[in-house]
Amino acid sequence: MKRKFRATLRAVARLQPLTARHRKATRGVQGFVAVSHAIYLLLHFVSHTVFLKIKDS
């Protein structure tokens, strides 16, 4: 039982840096998604405004 526990602890210790890298990557992706969504909203607003101007003229 103790052997399995030690082996598990070693495995977890080896995986921790990978988990930290994954969290960093996730934060980077979240930032990218936020920026991409903001650009999408801006383009949607501009295209809608242009559509309304064309429709009115």
N, C-alpha and C. Protein backbone atom coordinates (compact mmCIF):
# COMPACT_ATOMS: atom_id res chain seq x y z
N MET A 1 0.83 -1.20 0.00
CA MET A 1 0.00 0.00 0.00
C MET A 1 0.87 1.27 0.00
N LYS A 2 1.88 1.29 0.86
CA LYS A 2 2.76 2.46 0.93
C LYS A 2 3.50 2.67 -0.38
N ARG A 3 3.88 1.57 -1.04
CA ARG A 3 4.59 1.68 -2.31
C ARG A 3 3.74 2.35 -3.37
N LYS A 4 2.48 1.93 -3.44
CA LYS A 4 1.57 2.51 -4.43
C LYS A 4 1.38 4.00 -4.16
N PHE A 5 1.26 4.35 -2.88
CA PHE A 5 1.07 5.76 -2.51
C PHE A 5 2.28 6.59 -2.92
N ARG A 6 3.50 6.06 -2.66
CA ARG A 6 4.72 6.79 -3.04
C ARG A 6 4.81 6.95 -4.56
N ALA A 7 4.47 5.87 -5.27
CA ALA A 7 4.52 5.93 -6.74
C ALA A 7 3.53 6.97 -7.25
N THR A 8 2.37 7.01 -6.64
CA THR A 8 1.35 7.99 -7.04
C THR A 8 1.84 9.41 -6.76
N LEU A 9 2.45 9.61 -5.60
CA LEU A 9 2.98 10.94 -5.27
C LEU A 9 4.04 11.38 -6.27
N ARG A 10 4.93 10.44 -6.66
CA ARG A 10 5.95 10.77 -7.64
C ARG A 10 5.33 11.14 -8.98
N ALA A 11 4.33 10.39 -9.37
CA ALA A 11 3.66 10.67 -10.65
C ALA A 11 3.00 12.04 -10.61
N VAL A 12 2.35 12.36 -9.51
CA VAL A 12 1.69 13.66 -9.38
C VAL A 12 2.71 14.78 -9.39
N ALA A 13 3.83 14.58 -8.70
CA ALA A 13 4.89 15.60 -8.67
C ALA A 13 5.43 15.85 -10.07
N ARG A 14 5.54 14.79 -10.88
CA ARG A 14 6.03 14.97 -12.25
C ARG A 14 5.02 15.71 -13.11
N LEU A 15 3.75 15.54 -12.83
CA LEU A 15 2.71 16.15 -13.67
C LEU A 15 2.42 17.61 -13.31
N GLN A 16 2.80 18.05 -12.14
CA GLN A 16 2.46 19.41 -11.71
C GLN A 16 2.95 20.50 -12.65
N PRO A 17 4.21 20.47 -13.12
CA PRO A 17 4.63 21.53 -14.04
C PRO A 17 3.79 21.55 -15.32
N LEU A 18 3.38 20.37 -15.80
CA LEU A 18 2.55 20.31 -17.00
C LEU A 18 1.20 20.98 -16.74
N THR A 19 0.66 20.74 -15.55
CA THR A 19 -0.63 21.34 -15.20
C THR A 19 -0.51 22.86 -15.15
N ALA A 20 0.58 23.35 -14.58
CA ALA A 20 0.79 24.80 -14.52
C ALA A 20 0.89 25.38 -15.92
N ARG A 21 1.60 24.69 -16.82
CA ARG A 21 1.70 25.17 -18.20
C ARG A 21 0.34 25.18 -18.87
N HIS A 22 -0.44 24.15 -18.57
CA HIS A 22 -1.78 24.07 -19.16
C HIS A 22 -2.63 25.25 -18.69
N ARG A 23 -2.53 25.60 -17.40
CA ARG A 23 -3.30 26.74 -16.89
C ARG A 23 -2.89 28.02 -17.58
N LYS A 24 -1.58 28.21 -17.79
CA LYS A 24 -1.10 29.41 -18.47
C LYS A 24 -1.66 29.46 -19.89
N ALA A 25 -1.62 28.32 -20.56
CA ALA A 25 -2.14 28.26 -21.93
C ALA A 25 -3.63 28.58 -21.92
N THR A 26 -4.35 28.06 -20.94
CA THR A 26 -5.79 28.31 -20.87
C THR A 26 -6.06 29.79 -20.68
N ARG A 27 -5.27 30.44 -19.81
CA ARG A 27 -5.46 31.88 -19.61
C ARG A 27 -5.20 32.64 -20.91
N GLY A 28 -4.18 32.23 -21.64
CA GLY A 28 -3.86 32.88 -22.91
C GLY A 28 -4.99 32.70 -23.91
N VAL A 29 -5.56 31.51 -23.94
CA VAL A 29 -6.68 31.25 -24.85
C VAL A 29 -7.88 32.07 -24.45
N GLN A 30 -8.14 32.20 -23.16
CA GLN A 30 -9.28 32.99 -22.70
C GLN A 30 -9.12 34.45 -23.12
N GLY A 31 -7.90 34.97 -23.02
CA GLY A 31 -7.64 36.35 -23.45
C GLY A 31 -7.87 36.49 -24.94
N PHE A 32 -7.42 35.51 -25.71
CA PHE A 32 -7.61 35.53 -27.16
C PHE A 32 -9.09 35.50 -27.51
N VAL A 33 -9.85 34.68 -26.81
CA VAL A 33 -11.30 34.58 -27.07
C VAL A 33 -11.98 35.90 -26.75
N ALA A 34 -11.58 36.56 -25.67
CA ALA A 34 -12.18 37.84 -25.30
C ALA A 34 -11.90 38.89 -26.38
N VAL A 35 -10.66 38.96 -26.85
CA VAL A 35 -10.30 39.92 -27.89
C VAL A 35 -11.04 39.61 -29.18
N SER A 36 -11.07 38.33 -29.53
CA SER A 36 -11.74 37.92 -30.76
C SER A 36 -13.23 38.25 -30.70
N HIS A 37 -13.85 38.06 -29.54
CA HIS A 37 -15.27 38.39 -29.38
C HIS A 37 -15.50 39.90 -29.48
N ALA A 38 -14.60 40.67 -28.91
CA ALA A 38 -14.72 42.13 -28.99
C ALA A 38 -14.63 42.59 -30.45
N ILE A 39 -13.72 42.00 -31.21
CA ILE A 39 -13.59 42.34 -32.63
C ILE A 39 -14.86 41.94 -33.38
N TYR A 40 -15.39 40.77 -33.06
CA TYR A 40 -16.62 40.31 -33.69
C TYR A 40 -17.76 41.30 -33.43
N LEU A 41 -17.90 41.73 -32.17
CA LEU A 41 -18.98 42.67 -31.83
C LEU A 41 -18.80 44.00 -32.57
N LEU A 42 -17.57 44.48 -32.66
CA LEU A 42 -17.30 45.72 -33.36
C LEU A 42 -17.66 45.60 -34.84
N LEU A 43 -17.24 44.51 -35.47
CA LEU A 43 -17.55 44.30 -36.89
C LEU A 43 -19.06 44.16 -37.11
N HIS A 44 -19.71 43.47 -36.20
CA HIS A 44 -21.16 43.31 -36.30
C HIS A 44 -21.86 44.67 -36.22
N PHE A 45 -21.41 45.51 -35.27
CA PHE A 45 -22.01 46.83 -35.10
C PHE A 45 -21.80 47.68 -36.36
N VAL A 46 -20.58 47.66 -36.89
CA VAL A 46 -20.27 48.46 -38.08
C VAL A 46 -21.09 47.98 -39.28
N SER A 47 -21.14 46.67 -39.48
CA SER A 47 -21.89 46.16 -40.64
C SER A 47 -23.38 46.46 -40.49
N HIS A 48 -23.89 46.39 -39.28
CA HIS A 48 -25.31 46.71 -39.06
C HIS A 48 -25.57 48.19 -39.34
N THR A 49 -24.68 49.04 -38.89
CA THR A 49 -24.82 50.48 -39.12
C THR A 49 -24.78 50.80 -40.63
N VAL A 50 -23.85 50.18 -41.32
CA VAL A 50 -23.74 50.38 -42.78
C VAL A 50 -25.00 49.90 -43.46
N PHE A 51 -25.51 48.75 -43.03
CA PHE A 51 -26.75 48.22 -43.61
C PHE A 51 -27.90 49.20 -43.42
N LEU A 52 -28.02 49.77 -42.22
CA LEU A 52 -29.11 50.70 -41.95
C LEU A 52 -28.97 51.97 -42.79
N LYS A 53 -27.74 52.47 -42.98
CA LYS A 53 -27.52 53.65 -43.79
C LYS A 53 -27.89 53.39 -45.24
N ILE A 54 -27.53 52.21 -45.76
CA ILE A 54 -27.85 51.86 -47.14
C ILE A 54 -29.36 51.73 -47.30
N LYS A 55 -29.99 51.13 -46.30
CA LYS A 55 -31.44 50.92 -46.34
C LYS A 55 -32.18 52.27 -46.35
N ASP A 56 -31.69 53.23 -45.57
CA ASP A 56 -32.33 54.55 -45.47
C ASP A 56 -32.15 55.37 -46.74
N SER A 57 -31.09 55.16 -47.47
CA SER A 57 -30.82 56.01 -48.63
C SER A 57 -31.54 55.54 -49.89
